[in-house]
Amino acid sequence: LPVPPLCEWSPAPRLHEWILPLIFVIGVLSSITSSILKTFSSFWNLLLDALVR
């Protein structure tokens, strides 16, 4: 395998190399969290209905 030159192993990545994955990860996490919260709130409403009756 060809080894890239040393300058490509710079410890500080360029801005666009980690901004886009960060935005992607944040979007995925927020959508997962919102779906979990919706499921939990609907489950909680069902539980409260069962307790009230």
C-alpha atoms as a PDB file:
ATOM      1  CA  LEU A   1       0.000   0.000   0.000  1.00  0.00           C
ATOM      2  CA  PRO A   2       1.330   3.477  -0.794  1.00  0.00           C
ATOM      3  CA  VAL A   3       1.983   5.474   2.341  1.00  0.00           C
ATOM      4  CA  PRO A   4       0.683   9.061   2.147  1.00  0.00           C
ATOM      5  CA  PRO A   5       3.220  11.795   2.868  1.00  0.00           C
ATOM      6  CA  LEU A   6       3.571  13.032   6.406  1.00  0.00           C
ATOM      7  CA  CYS A   7       1.695  16.282   5.812  1.00  0.00           C
ATOM      8  CA  GLU A   8      -1.536  14.324   5.264  1.00  0.00           C
ATOM      9  CA  TRP A   9      -1.304  12.962   8.801  1.00  0.00           C
ATOM     10  CA  SER A  10      -1.713  16.426  10.287  1.00  0.00           C
ATOM     11  CA  PRO A  11      -3.272  16.182  13.776  1.00  0.00           C
ATOM     12  CA  ALA A  12      -5.675  19.073  13.132  1.00  0.00           C
ATOM     13  CA  PRO A  13      -8.071  18.105  10.340  1.00  0.00           C
ATOM     14  CA  ARG A  14      -9.408  20.760   8.043  1.00  0.00           C
ATOM     15  CA  LEU A  15     -12.713  22.318   9.018  1.00  0.00           C
ATOM     16  CA  HIS A  16     -14.955  20.712   6.395  1.00  0.00           C
ATOM     17  CA  GLU A  17     -13.558  17.251   7.187  1.00  0.00           C
ATOM     18  CA  TRP A  18     -15.183  17.157  10.627  1.00  0.00           C
ATOM     19  CA  ILE A  19     -17.996  19.732  10.354  1.00  0.00           C
ATOM     20  CA  LEU A  20     -20.019  17.598   7.936  1.00  0.00           C
ATOM     21  CA  PRO A  21     -19.754  14.310   9.902  1.00  0.00           C
ATOM     22  CA  LEU A  22     -20.532  16.256  13.076  1.00  0.00           C
ATOM     23  CA  ILE A  23     -23.682  17.737  11.522  1.00  0.00           C
ATOM     24  CA  PHE A  24     -24.671  14.290  10.240  1.00  0.00           C
ATOM     25  CA  VAL A  25     -24.168  12.667  13.654  1.00  0.00           C
ATOM     26  CA  ILE A  26     -26.084  15.452  15.420  1.00  0.00           C
ATOM     27  CA  GLY A  27     -28.984  15.108  12.976  1.00  0.00           C
ATOM     28  CA  VAL A  28     -29.135  11.331  13.402  1.00  0.00           C
ATOM     29  CA  LEU A  29     -28.954  11.588  17.193  1.00  0.00           C
ATOM     30  CA  SER A  30     -31.657  14.266  17.346  1.00  0.00           C
ATOM     31  CA  SER A  31     -34.012  12.244  15.133  1.00  0.00           C
ATOM     32  CA  ILE A  32     -33.414   9.107  17.219  1.00  0.00           C
ATOM     33  CA  THR A  33     -33.986  11.064  20.426  1.00  0.00           C
ATOM     34  CA  SER A  34     -37.211  12.641  19.154  1.00  0.00           C
ATOM     35  CA  SER A  35     -38.586   9.265  18.041  1.00  0.00           C
ATOM     36  CA  ILE A  36     -37.679   7.738  21.417  1.00  0.00           C
ATOM     37  CA  LEU A  37     -39.385  10.625  23.204  1.00  0.00           C
ATOM     38  CA  LYS A  38     -42.520  10.251  21.059  1.00  0.00           C
ATOM     39  CA  THR A  39     -42.666   6.525  21.786  1.00  0.00           C
ATOM     40  CA  PHE A  40     -42.097   7.093  25.496  1.00  0.00           C
ATOM     41  CA  SER A  41     -44.739   9.831  25.730  1.00  0.00           C
ATOM     42  CA  SER A  42     -47.357   7.723  23.934  1.00  0.00           C
ATOM     43  CA  PHE A  43     -46.516   4.764  26.190  1.00  0.00           C
ATOM     44  CA  TRP A  44     -46.764   7.057  29.229  1.00  0.00           C
ATOM     45  CA  ASN A  45     -50.185   8.312  28.065  1.00  0.00           C
ATOM     46  CA  LEU A  46     -51.399   4.729  27.687  1.00  0.00           C
ATOM     47  CA  LEU A  47     -50.103   3.903  31.150  1.00  0.00           C
ATOM     48  CA  LEU A  48     -51.829   6.931  32.682  1.00  0.00           C
ATOM     49  CA  ASP A  49     -55.088   6.035  30.918  1.00  0.00           C
ATOM     50  CA  ALA A  50     -54.877   2.511  32.317  1.00  0.00           C
ATOM     51  CA  LEU A  51     -54.181   3.836  35.812  1.00  0.00           C
ATOM     52  CA  VAL A  52     -56.979   6.406  35.744  1.00  0.00           C
ATOM     53  CA  ARG A  53     -59.657   3.947  34.638  1.00  0.00           C
END
